[in-house]
PDB file of N, CA and C in Angstrom:
ATOM      1  N   GLU A   1       1.195  -1.113   0.234  1.00  0.00           N
ATOM      2  CA  GLU A   1       0.213   0.033   0.473  1.00  0.00           C
ATOM      3  C   GLU A   1       0.872   1.849   0.127  1.00  0.00           C
ATOM      4  N   LEU A   2       0.365   1.964  -1.036  1.00  0.00           N
ATOM      5  CA  LEU A   2       0.979   3.898  -0.517  1.00  0.00           C
ATOM      6  C   LEU A   2       0.490   4.090   1.138  1.00  0.00           C
ATOM      7  N   PRO A   3       1.303   5.515   0.825  1.00  0.00           N
ATOM      8  CA  PRO A   3       0.872   6.238   2.102  1.00  0.00           C
ATOM      9  C   PRO A   3       0.206   7.283   1.548  1.00  0.00           C
ATOM     10  N   ALA A   4      -0.776   7.015   2.450  1.00  0.00           N
ATOM     11  CA  ALA A   4      -1.935   8.287   2.718  1.00  0.00           C
ATOM     12  C   ALA A   4      -2.037   9.381   3.268  1.00  0.00           C
ATOM     13  N   SER A   5      -2.527  10.571   2.538  1.00  0.00           N
ATOM     14  CA  SER A   5      -3.218  11.549   4.171  1.00  0.00           C
ATOM     15  C   SER A   5      -4.543  11.668   3.325  1.00  0.00           C
ATOM     16  N   ALA A   6      -4.580  12.726   4.952  1.00  0.00           N
ATOM     17  CA  ALA A   6      -5.818  12.975   4.941  1.00  0.00           C
ATOM     18  C   ALA A   6      -6.207  14.715   4.923  1.00  0.00           C
ATOM     19  N   VAL A   7      -6.696  15.611   4.612  1.00  0.00           N
ATOM     20  CA  VAL A   7      -6.211  17.366   4.919  1.00  0.00           C
ATOM     21  C   VAL A   7      -7.709  17.606   4.802  1.00  0.00           C
ATOM     22  N   ILE A   8      -7.889  18.863   6.112  1.00  0.00           N
ATOM     23  CA  ILE A   8      -8.941  19.786   5.975  1.00  0.00           C
ATOM     24  C   ILE A   8      -7.827  21.563   5.540  1.00  0.00           C
ATOM     25  N   ALA A   9      -8.147  21.154   3.874  1.00  0.00           N
ATOM     26  CA  ALA A   9      -7.500  22.529   3.510  1.00  0.00           C
ATOM     27  C   ALA A   9      -8.023  23.377   4.290  1.00  0.00           C
ATOM     28  N   SER A  10      -6.516  24.764   4.493  1.00  0.00           N
ATOM     29  CA  SER A  10      -6.811  25.395   4.707  1.00  0.00           C
ATOM     30  C   SER A  10      -7.640  26.922   4.874  1.00  0.00           C
ATOM     31  N   GLY A  11      -8.695  27.249   5.447  1.00  0.00           N
ATOM     32  CA  GLY A  11     -10.177  27.974   5.529  1.00  0.00           C
ATOM     33  C   GLY A  11     -11.089  27.307   4.623  1.00  0.00           C
ATOM     34  N   ALA A  12     -11.145  25.680   4.765  1.00  0.00           N
ATOM     35  CA  ALA A  12     -11.922  24.931   4.721  1.00  0.00           C
ATOM     36  C   ALA A  12     -13.437  25.643   5.464  1.00  0.00           C
ATOM     37  N   PHE A  13     -14.505  25.115   4.747  1.00  0.00           N
ATOM     38  CA  PHE A  13     -15.304  25.438   5.907  1.00  0.00           C
ATOM     39  C   PHE A  13     -15.279  26.696   6.997  1.00  0.00           C
ATOM     40  N   ALA A  14     -14.723  27.200   6.758  1.00  0.00           N
ATOM     41  CA  ALA A  14     -14.745  28.863   6.747  1.00  0.00           C
ATOM     42  C   ALA A  14     -15.860  29.358   6.662  1.00  0.00           C
ATOM     43  N   ASN A  15     -16.554  30.580   8.003  1.00  0.00           N
ATOM     44  CA  ASN A  15     -17.618  30.994   7.771  1.00  0.00           C
ATOM     45  C   ASN A  15     -19.087  29.754   7.956  1.00  0.00           C
ATOM     46  N   SER A  16     -19.021  29.136   7.914  1.00  0.00           N
ATOM     47  CA  SER A  16     -20.217  28.714   8.001  1.00  0.00           C
ATOM     48  C   SER A  16     -21.210  28.084   9.301  1.00  0.00           C
ATOM     49  N   HIS A  17     -22.482  28.075   9.154  1.00  0.00           N
ATOM     50  CA  HIS A  17     -23.791  28.337  10.274  1.00  0.00           C
ATOM     51  C   HIS A  17     -23.776  27.004   9.683  1.00  0.00           C
ATOM     52  N   GLY A  18     -25.468  27.007  11.030  1.00  0.00           N
ATOM     53  CA  GLY A  18     -25.763  25.945  11.416  1.00  0.00           C
ATOM     54  C   GLY A  18     -25.482  24.827  11.523  1.00  0.00           C
ATOM     55  N   LEU A  19     -25.554  23.838  10.849  1.00  0.00           N
ATOM     56  CA  LEU A  19     -24.806  22.464  12.036  1.00  0.00           C
ATOM     57  C   LEU A  19     -23.656  22.003  10.025  1.00  0.00           C
ATOM     58  N   THR A  20     -22.531  21.721  10.855  1.00  0.00           N
ATOM     59  CA  THR A  20     -21.525  21.637   9.943  1.00  0.00           C
ATOM     60  C   THR A  20     -21.189  19.826   9.942  1.00  0.00           C
ATOM     61  N   ALA A  21     -21.116  19.088   9.768  1.00  0.00           N
ATOM     62  CA  ALA A  21     -20.243  17.721  10.662  1.00  0.00           C
ATOM     63  C   ALA A  21     -19.461  17.301   8.009  1.00  0.00           C
ATOM     64  N   ALA A  22     -17.724  17.500   9.201  1.00  0.00           N
ATOM     65  CA  ALA A  22     -16.949  16.549   8.249  1.00  0.00           C
ATOM     66  C   ALA A  22     -16.443  15.550   8.481  1.00  0.00           C
ATOM     67  N   ASN A  23     -16.054  14.184   7.570  1.00  0.00           N
ATOM     68  CA  ASN A  23     -14.623  13.544   8.464  1.00  0.00           C
ATOM     69  C   ASN A  23     -13.708  12.837   7.157  1.00  0.00           C
ATOM     70  N   VAL A  24     -13.068  13.333   8.055  1.00  0.00           N
ATOM     71  CA  VAL A  24     -11.945  12.782   6.557  1.00  0.00           C
ATOM     72  C   VAL A  24     -10.999  11.531   7.112  1.00  0.00           C
ATOM     73  N   ALA A  25     -10.381  10.592   6.613  1.00  0.00           N
ATOM     74  CA  ALA A  25     -10.226   9.665   7.066  1.00  0.00           C
ATOM     75  C   ALA A  25      -8.849   8.857   5.701  1.00  0.00           C
ATOM     76  N   ALA A  26      -7.423   8.614   6.496  1.00  0.00           N
ATOM     77  CA  ALA A  26      -6.323   8.087   5.473  1.00  0.00           C
ATOM     78  C   ALA A  26      -5.614   7.321   6.340  1.00  0.00           C
ATOM     79  N   GLY A  27      -6.517   6.131   5.541  1.00  0.00           N
ATOM     80  CA  GLY A  27      -6.242   4.254   5.615  1.00  0.00           C
ATOM     81  C   GLY A  27      -7.716   3.949   6.294  1.00  0.00           C
ATOM     82  N   PRO A  28      -7.768   2.024   5.851  1.00  0.00           N
ATOM     83  CA  PRO A  28      -8.179   1.181   5.672  1.00  0.00           C
ATOM     84  C   PRO A  28      -9.380   1.532   7.439  1.00  0.00           C
ATOM     85  N   ASP A  29     -10.382   1.064   7.268  1.00  0.00           N
ATOM     86  CA  ASP A  29     -11.350   0.234   8.678  1.00  0.00           C
ATOM     87  C   ASP A  29     -11.374   0.927   9.119  1.00  0.00           C
ATOM     88  N   ASN A  30     -11.287   1.833   8.356  1.00  0.00           N
ATOM     89  CA  ASN A  30     -12.090   3.160  10.018  1.00  0.00           C
ATOM     90  C   ASN A  30     -13.790   3.671  10.058  1.00  0.00           C
ATOM     91  N   GLN A  31     -13.969   3.857  10.895  1.00  0.00           N
ATOM     92  CA  GLN A  31     -15.952   4.278  11.834  1.00  0.00           C
ATOM     93  C   GLN A  31     -15.248   5.283  11.858  1.00  0.00           C
ATOM     94  N   GLN A  32     -16.782   6.483  11.060  1.00  0.00           N
ATOM     95  CA  GLN A  32     -16.027   7.647  11.138  1.00  0.00           C
ATOM     96  C   GLN A  32     -18.256   7.823  11.705  1.00  0.00           C
ATOM     97  N   ALA A  33     -19.030   8.701  12.693  1.00  0.00           N
ATOM     98  CA  ALA A  33     -20.232   9.348  12.777  1.00  0.00           C
ATOM     99  C   ALA A  33     -19.972  10.343  13.173  1.00  0.00           C
ATOM    100  N   ASN A  34     -21.022  11.256  12.774  1.00  0.00           N
ATOM    101  CA  ASN A  34     -21.432  12.638  13.632  1.00  0.00           C
ATOM    102  C   ASN A  34     -22.656  12.985  13.191  1.00  0.00           C
ATOM    103  N   MET A  35     -23.888  13.195  13.998  1.00  0.00           N
ATOM    104  CA  MET A  35     -24.419  12.447  14.881  1.00  0.00           C
ATOM    105  C   MET A  35     -24.986  14.183  15.079  1.00  0.00           C
ATOM    106  N   ALA A  36     -26.392  14.352  14.950  1.00  0.00           N
ATOM    107  CA  ALA A  36     -27.264  15.649  15.716  1.00  0.00           C
ATOM    108  C   ALA A  36     -28.973  15.605  16.159  1.00  0.00           C
ATOM    109  N   LEU A  37     -28.565  16.274  17.522  1.00  0.00           N
ATOM    110  CA  LEU A  37     -30.201  16.274  16.969  1.00  0.00           C
ATOM    111  C   LEU A  37     -30.312  17.087  17.345  1.00  0.00           C
ATOM    112  N   ILE A  38     -31.916  18.114  17.066  1.00  0.00           N
ATOM    113  CA  ILE A  38     -32.324  19.326  18.232  1.00  0.00           C
ATOM    114  C   ILE A  38     -34.007  18.909  18.141  1.00  0.00           C
ATOM    115  N   ALA A  39     -34.397  18.890  18.886  1.00  0.00           N
ATOM    116  CA  ALA A  39     -35.442  18.947  19.150  1.00  0.00           C
ATOM    117  C   ALA A  39     -36.865  20.205  19.737  1.00  0.00           C
ATOM    118  N   ILE A  40     -37.549  20.415  19.597  1.00  0.00           N
ATOM    119  CA  ILE A  40     -38.432  21.498  20.022  1.00  0.00           C
ATOM    120  C   ILE A  40     -39.520  20.840  20.709  1.00  0.00           C
ATOM    121  N   GLY A  41     -40.322  21.156  21.858  1.00  0.00           N
ATOM    122  CA  GLY A  41     -41.446  21.667  22.533  1.00  0.00           C
ATOM    123  C   GLY A  41     -41.858  19.416  22.701  1.00  0.00           C
ATOM    124  N   LEU A  42     -40.265  18.920  22.896  1.00  0.00           N
ATOM    125  CA  LEU A  42     -41.785  17.037  23.110  1.00  0.00           C
ATOM    126  C   LEU A  42     -41.307  17.852  24.125  1.00  0.00           C
ATOM    127  N   GLU A  43     -42.240  16.560  24.861  1.00  0.00           N
ATOM    128  CA  GLU A  43     -42.114  16.420  26.346  1.00  0.00           C
ATOM    129  C   GLU A  43     -41.842  14.034  27.003  1.00  0.00           C
ATOM    130  N   GLY A  44     -41.068  15.233  27.953  1.00  0.00           N
ATOM    131  CA  GLY A  44     -40.348  13.676  27.973  1.00  0.00           C
ATOM    132  C   GLY A  44     -38.905  13.218  27.702  1.00  0.00           C
ATOM    133  N   ARG A  45     -38.548  11.865  27.608  1.00  0.00           N
ATOM    134  CA  ARG A  45     -37.381  11.686  26.871  1.00  0.00           C
ATOM    135  C   ARG A  45     -36.886  11.696  25.109  1.00  0.00           C
ATOM    136  N   VAL A  46     -36.231  13.096  24.357  1.00  0.00           N
ATOM    137  CA  VAL A  46     -35.800  12.785  23.318  1.00  0.00           C
ATOM    138  C   VAL A  46     -34.607  11.823  23.307  1.00  0.00           C
ATOM    139  N   ALA A  47     -33.984  11.716  23.624  1.00  0.00           N
ATOM    140  CA  ALA A  47     -32.759  10.725  23.176  1.00  0.00           C
ATOM    141  C   ALA A  47     -32.613   9.921  24.781  1.00  0.00           C
ATOM    142  N   MET A  48     -32.984   8.443  24.891  1.00  0.00           N
ATOM    143  CA  MET A  48     -32.627   7.274  25.602  1.00  0.00           C
ATOM    144  C   MET A  48     -31.416   7.116  25.064  1.00  0.00           C
ATOM    145  N   ASP A  49     -30.849   6.715  26.295  1.00  0.00           N
ATOM    146  CA  ASP A  49     -29.492   6.159  26.501  1.00  0.00           C
ATOM    147  C   ASP A  49     -29.234   5.205  25.762  1.00  0.00           C
ATOM    148  N   ALA A  50     -30.160   4.747  25.909  1.00  0.00           N
ATOM    149  CA  ALA A  50     -30.262   2.760  24.863  1.00  0.00           C
ATOM    150  C   ALA A  50     -29.460   3.517  22.673  1.00  0.00           C
ATOM    151  N   ALA A  51     -30.266   4.303  22.625  1.00  0.00           N
ATOM    152  CA  ALA A  51     -30.711   4.520  21.568  1.00  0.00           C
ATOM    153  C   ALA A  51     -28.816   5.320  21.295  1.00  0.00           C
ATOM    154  N   LEU A  52     -29.352   6.422  22.148  1.00  0.00           N
ATOM    155  CA  LEU A  52     -27.471   7.321  22.325  1.00  0.00           C
ATOM    156  C   LEU A  52     -26.126   5.999  22.019  1.00  0.00           C
ATOM    157  N   LEU A  53     -26.032   4.927  22.374  1.00  0.00           N
ATOM    158  CA  LEU A  53     -25.242   4.289  22.540  1.00  0.00           C
ATOM    159  C   LEU A  53     -24.826   3.321  20.943  1.00  0.00           C
ATOM    160  N   GLN A  54     -26.033   3.541  20.745  1.00  0.00           N
ATOM    161  CA  GLN A  54     -25.521   2.745  19.414  1.00  0.00           C
ATOM    162  C   GLN A  54     -25.672   3.830  18.046  1.00  0.00           C
ATOM    163  N   THR A  55     -24.827   4.820  18.535  1.00  0.00           N
ATOM    164  CA  THR A  55     -24.575   6.162  17.548  1.00  0.00           C
ATOM    165  C   THR A  55     -22.245   5.992  16.925  1.00  0.00           C
ATOM    166  N   ARG A  56     -21.562   4.991  18.252  1.00  0.00           N
ATOM    167  CA  ARG A  56     -20.825   4.858  18.209  1.00  0.00           C
ATOM    168  C   ARG A  56     -20.613   3.597  17.151  1.00  0.00           C
ATOM    169  N   ALA A  57     -19.093   3.411  16.705  1.00  0.00           N
ATOM    170  CA  ALA A  57     -18.944   2.139  16.336  1.00  0.00           C
ATOM    171  C   ALA A  57     -19.632   1.267  17.049  1.00  0.00           C
ATOM    172  N   SER A  58     -18.340   0.531  16.548  1.00  0.00           N
ATOM    173  CA  SER A  58     -18.251  -0.599  16.967  1.00  0.00           C
ATOM    174  C   SER A  58     -16.334  -0.886  17.499  1.00  0.00           C
ATOM    175  N   HIS A  59     -16.060  -1.542  17.973  1.00  0.00           N
ATOM    176  CA  HIS A  59     -14.235  -1.693  18.491  1.00  0.00           C
ATOM    177  C   HIS A  59     -13.663  -2.683  17.854  1.00  0.00           C
ATOM    178  N   GLU A  60     -14.273  -3.525  16.881  1.00  0.00           N
ATOM    179  CA  GLU A  60     -13.642  -3.884  16.296  1.00  0.00           C
ATOM    180  C   GLU A  60     -13.339  -3.717  15.123  1.00  0.00           C
ATOM    181  N   PRO A  61     -13.440  -3.411  13.602  1.00  0.00           N
ATOM    182  CA  PRO A  61     -13.760  -2.942  12.323  1.00  0.00           C
ATOM    183  C   PRO A  61     -13.205  -4.369  12.073  1.00  0.00           C
ATOM    184  N   ASN A  62     -14.012  -5.209  11.159  1.00  0.00           N
ATOM    185  CA  ASN A  62     -13.250  -5.791  10.109  1.00  0.00           C
ATOM    186  C   ASN A  62     -12.761  -5.126   9.302  1.00  0.00           C
ATOM    187  N   GLY A  63     -11.796  -6.638   9.165  1.00  0.00           N
ATOM    188  CA  GLY A  63     -10.715  -6.291   7.959  1.00  0.00           C
ATOM    189  C   GLY A  63      -9.553  -7.248   9.009  1.00  0.00           C
ATOM    190  N   ASP A  64      -8.922  -7.347   7.841  1.00  0.00           N
ATOM    191  CA  ASP A  64      -7.540  -7.662   8.486  1.00  0.00           C
ATOM    192  C   ASP A  64      -6.855  -6.872   9.835  1.00  0.00           C
ATOM    193  N   HIS A  65      -5.616  -7.094  10.299  1.00  0.00           N
ATOM    194  CA  HIS A  65      -5.258  -6.895  11.584  1.00  0.00           C
ATOM    195  C   HIS A  65      -3.461  -6.561  10.897  1.00  0.00           C
ATOM    196  N   ARG A  66      -3.276  -4.988  10.402  1.00  0.00           N
ATOM    197  CA  ARG A  66      -2.294  -4.627   9.745  1.00  0.00           C
ATOM    198  C   ARG A  66      -0.962  -4.620  10.501  1.00  0.00           C
ATOM    199  N   SER A  67       0.712  -5.247   9.620  1.00  0.00           N
ATOM    200  CA  SER A  67       1.255  -4.924  10.593  1.00  0.00           C
ATOM    201  C   SER A  67       1.956  -3.519  11.153  1.00  0.00           C
ATOM    202  N   SER A  68       3.043  -3.306  12.375  1.00  0.00           N
ATOM    203  CA  SER A  68       3.765  -2.697  12.438  1.00  0.00           C
ATOM    204  C   SER A  68       4.359  -2.052  11.089  1.00  0.00           C
ATOM    205  N   ALA A  69       4.711  -2.027   9.096  1.00  0.00           N
ATOM    206  CA  ALA A  69       5.348  -1.746   7.803  1.00  0.00           C
ATOM    207  C   ALA A  69       4.091  -1.160   7.536  1.00  0.00           C
ATOM    208  N   ASP A  70       3.269  -1.092   7.778  1.00  0.00           N
ATOM    209  CA  ASP A  70       2.111  -0.131   7.549  1.00  0.00           C
ATOM    210  C   ASP A  70       2.646   1.151   6.477  1.00  0.00           C
ATOM    211  N   PRO A  71       2.147   1.776   6.304  1.00  0.00           N
ATOM    212  CA  PRO A  71       2.103   2.651   5.246  1.00  0.00           C
ATOM    213  C   PRO A  71       2.100   4.362   5.917  1.00  0.00           C
ATOM    214  N   GLU A  72       2.808   5.230   5.791  1.00  0.00           N
ATOM    215  CA  GLU A  72       2.360   6.060   6.624  1.00  0.00           C
ATOM    216  C   GLU A  72       1.074   7.069   6.207  1.00  0.00           C
ATOM    217  N   ARG A  73      -0.072   6.786   6.876  1.00  0.00           N
ATOM    218  CA  ARG A  73      -0.895   7.556   6.572  1.00  0.00           C
ATOM    219  C   ARG A  73      -0.789   9.390   8.026  1.00  0.00           C
ATOM    220  N   THR A  74      -0.933  10.009   6.542  1.00  0.00           N
ATOM    221  CA  THR A  74      -1.102  11.185   8.365  1.00  0.00           C
ATOM    222  C   THR A  74      -2.945  12.538   8.149  1.00  0.00           C
ATOM    223  N   ALA A  75      -2.284  12.464   9.098  1.00  0.00           N
ATOM    224  CA  ALA A  75      -4.625  13.754   9.032  1.00  0.00           C
ATOM    225  C   ALA A  75      -4.135  15.123   9.558  1.00  0.00           C
ATOM    226  N   THR A  76      -4.201  16.096   8.902  1.00  0.00           N
ATOM    227  CA  THR A  76      -3.595  17.291  10.012  1.00  0.00           C
ATOM    228  C   THR A  76      -4.669  17.838   8.924  1.00  0.00           C
ATOM    229  N   MET A  77      -4.936  19.699  10.121  1.00  0.00           N
ATOM    230  CA  MET A  77      -6.187  20.580   9.605  1.00  0.00           C
ATOM    231  C   MET A  77      -5.052  21.943   9.266  1.00  0.00           C
ATOM    232  N   GLY A  78      -5.257  22.502   8.497  1.00  0.00           N
ATOM    233  CA  GLY A  78      -5.304  24.039   7.812  1.00  0.00           C
ATOM    234  C   GLY A  78      -5.257  24.463   8.379  1.00  0.00           C
ATOM    235  N   PRO A  79      -4.367  26.320   8.840  1.00  0.00           N
ATOM    236  CA  PRO A  79      -4.787  27.007   9.433  1.00  0.00           C
ATOM    237  C   PRO A  79      -5.988  27.587   8.811  1.00  0.00           C
ATOM    238  N   GLY A  80      -6.795  28.356   9.378  1.00  0.00           N
ATOM    239  CA  GLY A  80      -8.544  28.636   9.331  1.00  0.00           C
ATOM    240  C   GLY A  80      -9.538  28.217   8.752  1.00  0.00           C
ATOM    241  N   ALA A  81      -9.536  26.645   9.450  1.00  0.00           N
ATOM    242  CA  ALA A  81     -10.488  25.529   8.712  1.00  0.00           C
ATOM    243  C   ALA A  81     -11.738  25.954   9.661  1.00  0.00           C
ATOM    244  N   PHE A  82     -12.220  26.071   9.528  1.00  0.00           N
ATOM    245  CA  PHE A  82     -14.004  26.832  10.268  1.00  0.00           C
ATOM    246  C   PHE A  82     -13.625  27.966  10.834  1.00  0.00           C
ATOM    247  N   GLU A  83     -12.881  28.641  10.730  1.00  0.00           N
ATOM    248  CA  GLU A  83     -12.653  29.813  11.016  1.00  0.00           C
ATOM    249  C   GLU A  83     -13.938  31.202  10.545  1.00  0.00           C
ATOM    250  N   ASN A  84     -14.454  31.760  11.876  1.00  0.00           N
ATOM    251  CA  ASN A  84     -15.619  32.367  12.047  1.00  0.00           C
ATOM    252  C   ASN A  84     -16.929  31.015  12.015  1.00  0.00           C
ATOM    253  N   SER A  85     -16.706  30.155  11.872  1.00  0.00           N
ATOM    254  CA  SER A  85     -18.045  29.391  11.794  1.00  0.00           C
ATOM    255  C   SER A  85     -18.961  29.553  13.413  1.00  0.00           C
ATOM    256  N   SER A  86     -20.342  29.195  12.798  1.00  0.00           N
ATOM    257  CA  SER A  86     -20.909  29.068  14.118  1.00  0.00           C
ATOM    258  C   SER A  86     -22.192  28.201  14.235  1.00  0.00           C
ATOM    259  N   GLY A  87     -22.576  28.225  15.294  1.00  0.00           N
ATOM    260  CA  GLY A  87     -23.131  26.972  15.434  1.00  0.00           C
ATOM    261  C   GLY A  87     -23.487  25.502  15.730  1.00  0.00           C
ATOM    262  N   ILE A  88     -23.203  24.764  15.801  1.00  0.00           N
ATOM    263  CA  ILE A  88     -22.662  22.969  15.224  1.00  0.00           C
ATOM    264  C   ILE A  88     -21.605  22.899  14.455  1.00  0.00           C
ATOM    265  N   VAL A  89     -20.161  22.361  14.703  1.00  0.00           N
ATOM    266  CA  VAL A  89     -19.192  21.657  14.179  1.00  0.00           C
ATOM    267  C   VAL A  89     -18.860  20.955  14.533  1.00  0.00           C
ATOM    268  N   GLN A  90     -19.210  19.834  14.274  1.00  0.00           N
ATOM    269  CA  GLN A  90     -18.563  18.456  14.119  1.00  0.00           C
ATOM    270  C   GLN A  90     -17.351  18.567  13.198  1.00  0.00           C
ATOM    271  N   VAL A  91     -15.803  17.835  13.527  1.00  0.00           N
ATOM    272  CA  VAL A  91     -15.117  17.055  12.532  1.00  0.00           C
ATOM    273  C   VAL A  91     -14.427  15.953  13.344  1.00  0.00           C
ATOM    274  N   SER A  92     -14.214  15.048  12.168  1.00  0.00           N
ATOM    275  CA  SER A  92     -13.385  13.464  13.754  1.00  0.00           C
ATOM    276  C   SER A  92     -12.430  13.988  11.443  1.00  0.00           C
ATOM    277  N   LEU A  93     -11.631  13.846  11.875  1.00  0.00           N
ATOM    278  CA  LEU A  93      -9.742  13.987  11.357  1.00  0.00           C
ATOM    279  C   LEU A  93      -9.307  12.547  11.617  1.00  0.00           C
ATOM    280  N   ILE A  94      -9.104  11.540  11.167  1.00  0.00           N
ATOM    281  CA  ILE A  94      -8.475  10.688  11.402  1.00  0.00           C
ATOM    282  C   ILE A  94      -7.207  10.391  10.062  1.00  0.00           C
ATOM    283  N   GLY A  95      -5.588  10.064  10.757  1.00  0.00           N
ATOM    284  CA  GLY A  95      -4.791   9.061  10.317  1.00  0.00           C
ATOM    285  C   GLY A  95      -4.619   7.534  10.662  1.00  0.00           C
ATOM    286  N   GLY A  96      -4.845   6.731   9.968  1.00  0.00           N
ATOM    287  CA  GLY A  96      -4.433   5.409  10.737  1.00  0.00           C
ATOM    288  C   GLY A  96      -5.578   4.622  10.121  1.00  0.00           C
ATOM    289  N   ALA A  97      -5.455   3.210  11.128  1.00  0.00           N
ATOM    290  CA  ALA A  97      -5.508   2.486  10.740  1.00  0.00           C
ATOM    291  C   ALA A  97      -7.261   1.780  11.877  1.00  0.00           C
ATOM    292  N   ARG A  98      -8.151   1.086  11.753  1.00  0.00           N
ATOM    293  CA  ARG A  98      -9.233   0.579  12.605  1.00  0.00           C
ATOM    294  C   ARG A  98      -9.492   1.422  13.266  1.00  0.00           C
ATOM    295  N   ASN A  99     -10.066   2.719  13.193  1.00  0.00           N
ATOM    296  CA  ASN A  99     -10.130   3.565  14.110  1.00  0.00           C
ATOM    297  C   ASN A  99     -11.904   4.621  13.983  1.00  0.00           C
ATOM    298  N   THR A 100     -12.343   4.098  14.734  1.00  0.00           N
ATOM    299  CA  THR A 100     -13.857   3.962  15.621  1.00  0.00           C
ATOM    300  C   THR A 100     -13.789   5.788  16.110  1.00  0.00           C
ATOM    301  N   SER A 101     -14.814   6.898  15.536  1.00  0.00           N
ATOM    302  CA  SER A 101     -14.938   8.533  15.868  1.00  0.00           C
ATOM    303  C   SER A 101     -16.090   8.618  15.876  1.00  0.00           C
ATOM    304  N   ALA A 102     -16.730   9.098  16.947  1.00  0.00           N
ATOM    305  CA  ALA A 102     -18.041   9.218  16.726  1.00  0.00           C
ATOM    306  C   ALA A 102     -18.119  10.864  17.281  1.00  0.00           C
ATOM    307  N   ASN A 103     -19.402  11.633  17.483  1.00  0.00           N
ATOM    308  CA  ASN A 103     -19.161  12.999  17.822  1.00  0.00           C
ATOM    309  C   ASN A 103     -20.838  12.987  17.037  1.00  0.00           C
ATOM    310  N   LEU A 104     -21.346  13.367  18.584  1.00  0.00           N
ATOM    311  CA  LEU A 104     -23.316  13.712  19.158  1.00  0.00           C
ATOM    312  C   LEU A 104     -22.935  14.597  19.323  1.00  0.00           C
ATOM    313  N   ALA A 105     -24.206  15.372  18.784  1.00  0.00           N
ATOM    314  CA  ALA A 105     -24.661  16.227  19.811  1.00  0.00           C
ATOM    315  C   ALA A 105     -25.885  16.740  20.007  1.00  0.00           C
ATOM    316  N   VAL A 106     -26.595  17.131  20.352  1.00  0.00           N
ATOM    317  CA  VAL A 106     -28.326  16.416  21.531  1.00  0.00           C
ATOM    318  C   VAL A 106     -28.899  18.478  22.442  1.00  0.00           C
ATOM    319  N   LEU A 107     -30.058  18.664  21.448  1.00  0.00           N
ATOM    320  CA  LEU A 107     -29.974  19.899  22.165  1.00  0.00           C
ATOM    321  C   LEU A 107     -31.371  19.605  21.680  1.00  0.00           C
ATOM    322  N   THR A 108     -32.333  19.655  23.133  1.00  0.00           N
ATOM    323  CA  THR A 108     -33.990  19.675  23.504  1.00  0.00           C
ATOM    324  C   THR A 108     -34.179  21.858  23.712  1.00  0.00           C
ATOM    325  N   ILE A 109     -34.823  21.252  23.715  1.00  0.00           N
ATOM    326  CA  ILE A 109     -35.878  23.490  24.051  1.00  0.00           C
ATOM    327  C   ILE A 109     -37.331  22.802  24.553  1.00  0.00           C
ATOM    328  N   GLN A 110     -37.342  23.352  24.863  1.00  0.00           N
ATOM    329  CA  GLN A 110     -38.725  22.724  26.221  1.00  0.00           C
ATOM    330  C   GLN A 110     -39.233  24.761  25.832  1.00  0.00           C
ATOM    331  N   ALA A 111     -41.192  23.874  24.895  1.00  0.00           N
ATOM    332  CA  ALA A 111     -41.746  24.936  24.901  1.00  0.00           C
ATOM    333  C   ALA A 111     -42.727  25.075  25.830  1.00  0.00           C
ATOM    334  N   GLY A 112     -42.823  26.390  25.583  1.00  0.00           N
ATOM    335  CA  GLY A 112     -43.810  27.464  26.410  1.00  0.00           C
ATOM    336  C   GLY A 112     -42.815  27.825  27.683  1.00  0.00           C
ATOM    337  N   ALA A 113     -41.921  27.637  28.366  1.00  0.00           N
ATOM    338  CA  ALA A 113     -40.901  27.914  29.825  1.00  0.00           C
ATOM    339  C   ALA A 113     -41.415  29.665  29.470  1.00  0.00           C
ATOM    340  N   ASP A 114     -42.114  29.266  31.212  1.00  0.00           N
ATOM    341  CA  ASP A 114     -42.016  31.059  31.894  1.00  0.00           C
ATOM    342  C   ASP A 114     -41.297  31.650  32.339  1.00  0.00           C
TER     343      ASP A 114
END
């Protein structure tokens, strides 16, 4: 295999607003998830613990286990990436093999607050 790199370039996603989610990976068997749940005016539990636990990837991605002689894999983020962004920003940047990454944001707003 050849070396691989994952890059979020300088200025990428700058001035973004609202919900911004980015998954970037260099290497095999990586599992990534970005999730957001926004609920307005609901009563009771919006996101139960059992459901939230399922948002992560497994501990053992499928595939063979590589040796220490694997090619170099790098992950970098350039200056100014996400600069002046607002809202929810979820980033998963992985260099390597068999990694698990999850970002989860839950926001609940009650209706009719006095």
